[in-house]
Amino acid sequence: MYNKLVDELAVCGLNAVKAVAEYHPQNINRLFLREELLPGFRDICRQLAERKRPYKICDDEELLRICKHQHHQGVVAMIKEAVVEPLTPDDLDLWADEAKTGVVLHSVGNDLNLGAIVRAAAFFGVHFVVISEFDTDARLSTAAYRVAEGGMEHVVIRSVKRTEAFLRAASKRLLVLGTDTRARLRINEVPSLMAEHPGVVLVLGNEEAGLPDQVKRHCAALLRVPGTGNMESLNVAQAAALFLHAIYEA
């Protein structure tokens, strides 16, 4: 839930709020929680008091009114508006120089997919996630933060106007791997593809449409996850986790 009047976003769920409190406590403006959870949040409550910011003991009904989400797990933090900064040439230079691993999301569909992919990215040590400015359904929402389970605090998120333009530049410095359910190469080819390219960009597309041709042409290789054929494809977040594991192991 985003509060336009004060430029705040509600972050709910134990792991999500604990991560913000640990890594970016300065972003928390207000905190609401059930009384039994207070011992685990004493440090951030003390910091809020020092900053003259409020925290309040609430029941579940009030927490639901605050965050508009039933899976709040007894705690809600109101944080500064989550703004995705535009990608700069310096970002790409840094990622290439340090051979970082990143994910590019081209119209992944919704904020739940975004949150799940960020969770997997954080788990496997991915450094950056790039999203399209025009993918308005995949946004940094209350739901995305909750599903990410704290992963938002561990990855750099940037936006681009045109995915293909970013990949054109990235492909000169990093290994760009695209996902395609009809690709000839399989996911087990990842180690051999990475043999001379430690820095990798994984490109994920829409579950129904996949990656468009103008994006595919900037990928060094297209890969798929083989299956029985009973289902046409995996959920994009499931596929992301499998590919990121393969990259991590490589």
C-alpha atoms as a PDB file:
ATOM      1  CA  MET A   1       0.000   0.000   0.000  1.00  0.00           C
ATOM      2  CA  TYR A   2       1.422   3.355  -1.105  1.00  0.00           C
ATOM      3  CA  ASN A   3       0.435   6.557   0.687  1.00  0.00           C
ATOM      4  CA  LYS A   4       0.579   9.362  -1.874  1.00  0.00           C
ATOM      5  CA  LEU A   5      -0.032  12.055   0.753  1.00  0.00           C
ATOM      6  CA  VAL A   6       3.255  11.461   2.549  1.00  0.00           C
ATOM      7  CA  ASP A   7       5.266   9.561  -0.100  1.00  0.00           C
ATOM      8  CA  GLU A   8       5.404   6.399   1.991  1.00  0.00           C
ATOM      9  CA  LEU A   9       5.170   2.691   1.254  1.00  0.00           C
ATOM     10  CA  ALA A  10       3.985   0.058   3.720  1.00  0.00           C
ATOM     11  CA  VAL A  11       6.394  -2.851   4.186  1.00  0.00           C
ATOM     12  CA  CYS A  12       4.905  -5.780   6.069  1.00  0.00           C
ATOM     13  CA  GLY A  13       6.025  -9.240   7.118  1.00  0.00           C
ATOM     14  CA  LEU A  14       8.641 -10.211   9.694  1.00  0.00           C
ATOM     15  CA  ASN A  15      11.568 -10.872   7.369  1.00  0.00           C
ATOM     16  CA  ALA A  16      10.908  -7.873   5.139  1.00  0.00           C
ATOM     17  CA  VAL A  17      10.646  -5.418   8.052  1.00  0.00           C
ATOM     18  CA  LYS A  18      13.624  -6.929   9.901  1.00  0.00           C
ATOM     19  CA  ALA A  19      15.765  -6.550   6.775  1.00  0.00           C
ATOM     20  CA  VAL A  20      14.848  -2.885   6.354  1.00  0.00           C
ATOM     21  CA  ALA A  21      15.506  -2.291  10.060  1.00  0.00           C
ATOM     22  CA  GLU A  22      18.924  -3.957   9.859  1.00  0.00           C
ATOM     23  CA  TYR A  23      20.256  -2.637   6.548  1.00  0.00           C
ATOM     24  CA  HIS A  24      18.381   0.626   5.933  1.00  0.00           C
ATOM     25  CA  PRO A  25      16.924   1.766   9.272  1.00  0.00           C
ATOM     26  CA  GLN A  26      17.055   5.386   8.141  1.00  0.00           C
ATOM     27  CA  ASN A  27      14.325   4.612   5.595  1.00  0.00           C
ATOM     28  CA  ILE A  28      11.755   3.738   8.264  1.00  0.00           C
ATOM     29  CA  ASN A  29       9.490   6.660   9.173  1.00  0.00           C
ATOM     30  CA  ARG A  30       6.981   4.840  11.375  1.00  0.00           C
ATOM     31  CA  LEU A  31       6.605   1.363  12.850  1.00  0.00           C
ATOM     32  CA  PHE A  32       3.464  -0.524  13.909  1.00  0.00           C
ATOM     33  CA  LEU A  33       3.616  -3.933  15.582  1.00  0.00           C
ATOM     34  CA  ARG A  34       1.952  -6.388  17.912  1.00  0.00           C
ATOM     35  CA  GLU A  35       3.137  -6.248  21.503  1.00  0.00           C
ATOM     36  CA  GLU A  36       4.680  -9.724  21.561  1.00  0.00           C
ATOM     37  CA  LEU A  37       7.020  -8.737  18.708  1.00  0.00           C
ATOM     38  CA  LEU A  38       8.430  -5.712  20.517  1.00  0.00           C
ATOM     39  CA  PRO A  39      11.534  -7.515  21.938  1.00  0.00           C
ATOM     40  CA  GLY A  40      12.738  -8.305  18.414  1.00  0.00           C
ATOM     41  CA  PHE A  41      12.395  -4.687  17.297  1.00  0.00           C
ATOM     42  CA  ARG A  42      13.737  -2.807  20.332  1.00  0.00           C
ATOM     43  CA  ASP A  43      16.789  -1.480  18.473  1.00  0.00           C
ATOM     44  CA  ILE A  44      14.798   0.092  15.649  1.00  0.00           C
ATOM     45  CA  CYS A  45      12.238   1.441  18.135  1.00  0.00           C
ATOM     46  CA  ARG A  46      15.076   3.104  20.025  1.00  0.00           C
ATOM     47  CA  GLN A  47      16.431   4.576  16.800  1.00  0.00           C
ATOM     48  CA  LEU A  48      12.993   5.853  15.839  1.00  0.00           C
ATOM     49  CA  ALA A  49      12.605   7.491  19.235  1.00  0.00           C
ATOM     50  CA  GLU A  50      16.000   9.179  18.837  1.00  0.00           C
ATOM     51  CA  ARG A  51      14.883  10.496  15.447  1.00  0.00           C
ATOM     52  CA  LYS A  52      11.561  11.584  16.961  1.00  0.00           C
ATOM     53  CA  ARG A  53       9.694   9.138  14.759  1.00  0.00           C
ATOM     54  CA  PRO A  54       6.710   7.194  16.149  1.00  0.00           C
ATOM     55  CA  TYR A  55       6.197   3.509  16.783  1.00  0.00           C
ATOM     56  CA  LYS A  56       2.972   2.028  18.065  1.00  0.00           C
ATOM     57  CA  ILE A  57       1.661  -1.213  19.536  1.00  0.00           C
ATOM     58  CA  CYS A  58      -1.351  -2.343  17.479  1.00  0.00           C
ATOM     59  CA  ASP A  59      -3.761  -5.236  17.129  1.00  0.00           C
ATOM     60  CA  ASP A  60      -4.216  -7.174  13.891  1.00  0.00           C
ATOM     61  CA  GLU A  61      -7.250  -5.166  12.836  1.00  0.00           C
ATOM     62  CA  GLU A  62      -5.361  -1.888  12.979  1.00  0.00           C
ATOM     63  CA  LEU A  63      -2.350  -3.390  11.200  1.00  0.00           C
ATOM     64  CA  LEU A  64      -4.639  -4.538   8.400  1.00  0.00           C
ATOM     65  CA  ARG A  65      -6.047  -1.036   8.041  1.00  0.00           C
ATOM     66  CA  ILE A  66      -2.546   0.405   7.877  1.00  0.00           C
ATOM     67  CA  CYS A  67      -1.016  -1.872   5.244  1.00  0.00           C
ATOM     68  CA  LYS A  68      -4.146  -3.184   3.476  1.00  0.00           C
ATOM     69  CA  HIS A  69      -2.560  -6.641   3.463  1.00  0.00           C
ATOM     70  CA  GLN A  70      -3.703  -9.595   5.541  1.00  0.00           C
ATOM     71  CA  HIS A  71      -0.275 -11.286   5.560  1.00  0.00           C
ATOM     72  CA  HIS A  72       1.380  -8.607   7.687  1.00  0.00           C
ATOM     73  CA  GLN A  73       2.633 -11.142  10.309  1.00  0.00           C
ATOM     74  CA  GLY A  74       2.134  -8.596  13.059  1.00  0.00           C
ATOM     75  CA  VAL A  75       4.448  -5.815  11.926  1.00  0.00           C
ATOM     76  CA  VAL A  76       4.293  -2.945   9.425  1.00  0.00           C
ATOM     77  CA  ALA A  77       6.966  -0.357   8.647  1.00  0.00           C
ATOM     78  CA  MET A  78       6.162   2.793   6.731  1.00  0.00           C
ATOM     79  CA  ILE A  79       9.252   3.574   4.675  1.00  0.00           C
ATOM     80  CA  LYS A  80      10.297   6.361   2.367  1.00  0.00           C
ATOM     81  CA  GLU A  81       8.833   5.997  -1.098  1.00  0.00           C
ATOM     82  CA  ALA A  82      10.595   3.205  -2.957  1.00  0.00           C
ATOM     83  CA  VAL A  83      11.999   4.972  -6.009  1.00  0.00           C
ATOM     84  CA  VAL A  84      13.822   3.019  -8.712  1.00  0.00           C
ATOM     85  CA  GLU A  85      16.674   5.149 -10.014  1.00  0.00           C
ATOM     86  CA  PRO A  86      17.391   5.200 -13.766  1.00  0.00           C
ATOM     87  CA  LEU A  87      20.412   3.199 -14.806  1.00  0.00           C
ATOM     88  CA  THR A  88      23.533   5.233 -15.600  1.00  0.00           C
ATOM     89  CA  PRO A  89      26.647   4.401 -17.668  1.00  0.00           C
ATOM     90  CA  ASP A  90      28.599   4.353 -14.401  1.00  0.00           C
ATOM     91  CA  ASP A  91      26.377   1.531 -13.131  1.00  0.00           C
ATOM     92  CA  LEU A  92      27.190  -0.649 -16.121  1.00  0.00           C
ATOM     93  CA  ASP A  93      30.897   0.222 -15.926  1.00  0.00           C
ATOM     94  CA  LEU A  94      31.013  -0.843 -12.272  1.00  0.00           C
ATOM     95  CA  TRP A  95      29.113  -4.080 -12.883  1.00  0.00           C
ATOM     96  CA  ALA A  96      31.333  -4.990 -15.817  1.00  0.00           C
ATOM     97  CA  ASP A  97      34.597  -4.085 -14.081  1.00  0.00           C
ATOM     98  CA  GLU A  98      33.642  -6.184 -11.052  1.00  0.00           C
ATOM     99  CA  ALA A  99      32.106  -9.012 -13.119  1.00  0.00           C
ATOM    100  CA  LYS A 100      28.787  -8.808 -11.311  1.00  0.00           C
ATOM    101  CA  THR A 101      25.789 -11.047 -11.906  1.00  0.00           C
ATOM    102  CA  GLY A 102      22.490  -9.368 -12.686  1.00  0.00           C
ATOM    103  CA  VAL A 103      18.949  -9.946 -13.888  1.00  0.00           C
ATOM    104  CA  VAL A 104      17.047  -8.026 -16.544  1.00  0.00           C
ATOM    105  CA  LEU A 105      13.250  -8.266 -16.380  1.00  0.00           C
ATOM    106  CA  HIS A 106      11.355  -7.540 -19.574  1.00  0.00           C
ATOM    107  CA  SER A 107       7.624  -7.318 -18.831  1.00  0.00           C
ATOM    108  CA  VAL A 108       7.573 -10.016 -16.130  1.00  0.00           C
ATOM    109  CA  GLY A 109       3.945  -9.234 -15.459  1.00  0.00           C
ATOM    110  CA  ASN A 110       3.311  -8.284 -11.838  1.00  0.00           C
ATOM    111  CA  ASP A 111       4.776  -7.230  -8.519  1.00  0.00           C
ATOM    112  CA  LEU A 112       4.496 -10.739  -7.044  1.00  0.00           C
ATOM    113  CA  ASN A 113       6.788 -12.085  -9.758  1.00  0.00           C
ATOM    114  CA  LEU A 114       9.155  -9.191  -9.131  1.00  0.00           C
ATOM    115  CA  GLY A 115       9.249  -9.906  -5.396  1.00  0.00           C
ATOM    116  CA  ALA A 116       9.849 -13.627  -5.900  1.00  0.00           C
ATOM    117  CA  ILE A 117      12.646 -12.991  -8.406  1.00  0.00           C
ATOM    118  CA  VAL A 118      14.309 -10.475  -6.077  1.00  0.00           C
ATOM    119  CA  ARG A 119      14.146 -13.057  -3.273  1.00  0.00           C
ATOM    120  CA  ALA A 120      15.915 -15.636  -5.443  1.00  0.00           C
ATOM    121  CA  ALA A 121      18.404 -13.021  -6.644  1.00  0.00           C
ATOM    122  CA  ALA A 122      19.336 -12.081  -3.088  1.00  0.00           C
ATOM    123  CA  PHE A 123      19.621 -15.745  -2.089  1.00  0.00           C
ATOM    124  CA  PHE A 124      22.138 -16.457  -4.852  1.00  0.00           C
ATOM    125  CA  GLY A 125      24.126 -13.253  -4.398  1.00  0.00           C
ATOM    126  CA  VAL A 126      22.942 -11.443  -7.508  1.00  0.00           C
ATOM    127  CA  HIS A 127      24.076  -7.829  -7.441  1.00  0.00           C
ATOM    128  CA  PHE A 128      21.569  -5.991  -9.643  1.00  0.00           C
ATOM    129  CA  VAL A 129      18.071  -6.191 -11.119  1.00  0.00           C
ATOM    130  CA  VAL A 130      17.082  -4.034 -14.091  1.00  0.00           C
ATOM    131  CA  ILE A 131      13.417  -3.425 -14.932  1.00  0.00           C
ATOM    132  CA  SER A 132      11.740  -1.533 -17.748  1.00  0.00           C
ATOM    133  CA  GLU A 133      10.143   1.817 -16.988  1.00  0.00           C
ATOM    134  CA  PHE A 134       7.174   0.693 -19.068  1.00  0.00           C
ATOM    135  CA  ASP A 135       6.536  -2.477 -17.063  1.00  0.00           C
ATOM    136  CA  THR A 136       4.043  -0.718 -14.811  1.00  0.00           C
ATOM    137  CA  ASP A 137       2.665  -3.982 -13.404  1.00  0.00           C
ATOM    138  CA  ALA A 138       6.028  -4.993 -11.902  1.00  0.00           C
ATOM    139  CA  ARG A 139       6.601  -2.311  -9.310  1.00  0.00           C
ATOM    140  CA  LEU A 140       8.060  -1.920  -5.826  1.00  0.00           C
ATOM    141  CA  SER A 141       4.799  -2.425  -3.949  1.00  0.00           C
ATOM    142  CA  THR A 142       3.861  -3.678  -0.492  1.00  0.00           C
ATOM    143  CA  ALA A 143       3.227  -7.103  -2.044  1.00  0.00           C
ATOM    144  CA  ALA A 144       6.610  -7.137  -3.806  1.00  0.00           C
ATOM    145  CA  TYR A 145       8.445  -6.337  -0.566  1.00  0.00           C
ATOM    146  CA  ARG A 146       6.519  -9.002   1.358  1.00  0.00           C
ATOM    147  CA  VAL A 147       7.177 -11.723  -1.230  1.00  0.00           C
ATOM    148  CA  ALA A 148      10.858 -10.726  -1.458  1.00  0.00           C
ATOM    149  CA  GLU A 149      11.212 -11.568   2.271  1.00  0.00           C
ATOM    150  CA  GLY A 150      13.930  -8.952   2.805  1.00  0.00           C
ATOM    151  CA  GLY A 151      15.634  -9.458  -0.550  1.00  0.00           C
ATOM    152  CA  MET A 152      15.010  -5.848  -1.570  1.00  0.00           C
ATOM    153  CA  GLU A 153      17.737  -4.760   0.839  1.00  0.00           C
ATOM    154  CA  HIS A 154      20.400  -6.886  -0.868  1.00  0.00           C
ATOM    155  CA  VAL A 155      20.109  -5.999  -4.558  1.00  0.00           C
ATOM    156  CA  VAL A 156      20.540  -2.803  -6.562  1.00  0.00           C
ATOM    157  CA  ILE A 157      17.429  -2.089  -8.641  1.00  0.00           C
ATOM    158  CA  ARG A 158      17.622   0.192 -11.660  1.00  0.00           C
ATOM    159  CA  SER A 159      15.244   1.075 -14.483  1.00  0.00           C
ATOM    160  CA  VAL A 160      15.774   1.491 -18.231  1.00  0.00           C
ATOM    161  CA  LYS A 161      13.576   2.927 -20.962  1.00  0.00           C
ATOM    162  CA  ARG A 162      14.522   0.313 -23.538  1.00  0.00           C
ATOM    163  CA  THR A 163      15.657  -3.156 -22.549  1.00  0.00           C
ATOM    164  CA  GLU A 164      17.284  -3.805 -25.914  1.00  0.00           C
ATOM    165  CA  ALA A 165      19.387  -0.635 -25.698  1.00  0.00           C
ATOM    166  CA  PHE A 166      20.759  -1.651 -22.301  1.00  0.00           C
ATOM    167  CA  LEU A 167      21.484  -5.192 -23.494  1.00  0.00           C
ATOM    168  CA  ARG A 168      23.270  -3.863 -26.585  1.00  0.00           C
ATOM    169  CA  ALA A 169      25.681  -2.009 -24.306  1.00  0.00           C
ATOM    170  CA  ALA A 170      25.869  -4.772 -21.689  1.00  0.00           C
ATOM    171  CA  SER A 171      26.650  -7.477 -24.263  1.00  0.00           C
ATOM    172  CA  LYS A 172      29.970  -5.761 -25.009  1.00  0.00           C
ATOM    173  CA  ARG A 173      31.100  -6.151 -21.385  1.00  0.00           C
ATOM    174  CA  LEU A 174      29.119  -9.023 -19.870  1.00  0.00           C
ATOM    175  CA  LEU A 175      27.739 -12.402 -20.930  1.00  0.00           C
ATOM    176  CA  VAL A 176      24.035 -11.951 -21.726  1.00  0.00           C
ATOM    177  CA  LEU A 177      21.936 -15.106 -21.406  1.00  0.00           C
ATOM    178  CA  GLY A 178      18.289 -15.126 -22.443  1.00  0.00           C
ATOM    179  CA  THR A 179      15.566 -17.567 -21.468  1.00  0.00           C
ATOM    180  CA  ASP A 180      13.331 -19.144 -24.106  1.00  0.00           C
ATOM    181  CA  THR A 181      11.074 -22.191 -23.719  1.00  0.00           C
ATOM    182  CA  ARG A 182      11.884 -23.211 -27.305  1.00  0.00           C
ATOM    183  CA  ALA A 183      15.637 -22.688 -27.144  1.00  0.00           C
ATOM    184  CA  ARG A 184      17.966 -25.372 -28.469  1.00  0.00           C
ATOM    185  CA  LEU A 185      20.420 -25.065 -25.570  1.00  0.00           C
ATOM    186  CA  ARG A 186      19.547 -26.307 -22.098  1.00  0.00           C
ATOM    187  CA  ILE A 187      20.234 -24.849 -18.682  1.00  0.00           C
ATOM    188  CA  ASN A 188      23.094 -27.315 -18.118  1.00  0.00           C
ATOM    189  CA  GLU A 189      25.083 -25.390 -20.746  1.00  0.00           C
ATOM    190  CA  VAL A 190      25.475 -22.456 -18.345  1.00  0.00           C
ATOM    191  CA  PRO A 191      28.889 -23.537 -16.919  1.00  0.00           C
ATOM    192  CA  SER A 192      30.501 -23.901 -20.351  1.00  0.00           C
ATOM    193  CA  LEU A 193      29.080 -20.554 -21.511  1.00  0.00           C
ATOM    194  CA  MET A 194      30.457 -18.879 -18.395  1.00  0.00           C
ATOM    195  CA  ALA A 195      33.913 -20.417 -18.660  1.00  0.00           C
ATOM    196  CA  GLU A 196      35.431 -17.172 -19.937  1.00  0.00           C
ATOM    197  CA  HIS A 197      32.722 -14.747 -18.813  1.00  0.00           C
ATOM    198  CA  PRO A 198      32.362 -14.480 -15.017  1.00  0.00           C
ATOM    199  CA  GLY A 199      30.023 -11.487 -15.286  1.00  0.00           C
ATOM    200  CA  VAL A 200      26.530 -12.549 -16.381  1.00  0.00           C
ATOM    201  CA  VAL A 201      23.220 -10.882 -17.196  1.00  0.00           C
ATOM    202  CA  LEU A 202      20.191 -13.180 -17.125  1.00  0.00           C
ATOM    203  CA  VAL A 203      17.249 -11.901 -19.196  1.00  0.00           C
ATOM    204  CA  LEU A 204      13.727 -13.005 -18.264  1.00  0.00           C
ATOM    205  CA  GLY A 205      10.570 -12.229 -20.211  1.00  0.00           C
ATOM    206  CA  ASN A 206       6.818 -12.363 -19.941  1.00  0.00           C
ATOM    207  CA  GLU A 207       5.377 -15.792 -19.064  1.00  0.00           C
ATOM    208  CA  GLU A 208       2.982 -15.758 -22.020  1.00  0.00           C
ATOM    209  CA  ALA A 209       4.876 -13.863 -24.714  1.00  0.00           C
ATOM    210  CA  GLY A 210       8.478 -14.588 -23.703  1.00  0.00           C
ATOM    211  CA  LEU A 211      11.282 -12.356 -24.948  1.00  0.00           C
ATOM    212  CA  PRO A 212      10.681 -10.323 -28.113  1.00  0.00           C
ATOM    213  CA  ASP A 213      13.048 -10.706 -31.046  1.00  0.00           C
ATOM    214  CA  GLN A 214      14.644  -7.295 -30.523  1.00  0.00           C
ATOM    215  CA  VAL A 215      15.727  -8.457 -27.057  1.00  0.00           C
ATOM    216  CA  LYS A 216      16.789 -11.957 -28.101  1.00  0.00           C
ATOM    217  CA  ARG A 217      19.203 -10.650 -30.714  1.00  0.00           C
ATOM    218  CA  HIS A 218      21.370  -9.111 -27.995  1.00  0.00           C
ATOM    219  CA  CYS A 219      21.703 -12.395 -26.073  1.00  0.00           C
ATOM    220  CA  ALA A 220      24.842 -14.454 -26.525  1.00  0.00           C
ATOM    221  CA  ALA A 221      22.745 -17.582 -26.018  1.00  0.00           C
ATOM    222  CA  LEU A 222      19.148 -18.607 -25.371  1.00  0.00           C
ATOM    223  CA  LEU A 223      18.485 -21.422 -22.927  1.00  0.00           C
ATOM    224  CA  ARG A 224      15.557 -23.418 -21.612  1.00  0.00           C
ATOM    225  CA  VAL A 225      14.715 -25.617 -18.656  1.00  0.00           C
ATOM    226  CA  PRO A 226      13.853 -29.083 -20.020  1.00  0.00           C
ATOM    227  CA  GLY A 227      10.761 -30.787 -18.658  1.00  0.00           C
ATOM    228  CA  THR A 228       8.296 -33.576 -19.327  1.00  0.00           C
ATOM    229  CA  GLY A 229       6.095 -31.449 -21.553  1.00  0.00           C
ATOM    230  CA  ASN A 230       3.083 -31.847 -19.264  1.00  0.00           C
ATOM    231  CA  MET A 231       3.270 -28.098 -18.712  1.00  0.00           C
ATOM    232  CA  GLU A 232       4.384 -25.643 -21.360  1.00  0.00           C
ATOM    233  CA  SER A 233       6.617 -23.670 -19.011  1.00  0.00           C
ATOM    234  CA  LEU A 234       7.476 -22.751 -15.443  1.00  0.00           C
ATOM    235  CA  ASN A 235       6.405 -19.624 -13.651  1.00  0.00           C
ATOM    236  CA  VAL A 236       8.954 -16.902 -14.445  1.00  0.00           C
ATOM    237  CA  ALA A 237      10.065 -16.721 -10.809  1.00  0.00           C
ATOM    238  CA  GLN A 238      10.591 -20.502 -10.690  1.00  0.00           C
ATOM    239  CA  ALA A 239      12.631 -20.363 -13.878  1.00  0.00           C
ATOM    240  CA  ALA A 240      14.646 -17.462 -12.486  1.00  0.00           C
ATOM    241  CA  ALA A 241      15.555 -19.458  -9.373  1.00  0.00           C
ATOM    242  CA  LEU A 242      16.750 -22.423 -11.437  1.00  0.00           C
ATOM    243  CA  PHE A 243      18.864 -20.289 -13.754  1.00  0.00           C
ATOM    244  CA  LEU A 244      20.335 -18.245 -10.906  1.00  0.00           C
ATOM    245  CA  HIS A 245      21.277 -21.449  -9.101  1.00  0.00           C
ATOM    246  CA  ALA A 246      23.011 -22.690 -12.236  1.00  0.00           C
ATOM    247  CA  ILE A 247      24.911 -19.400 -12.551  1.00  0.00           C
ATOM    248  CA  TYR A 248      25.820 -19.479  -8.857  1.00  0.00           C
ATOM    249  CA  GLU A 249      27.158 -23.024  -9.115  1.00  0.00           C
ATOM    250  CA  ALA A 250      29.122 -22.190 -12.258  1.00  0.00           C
END
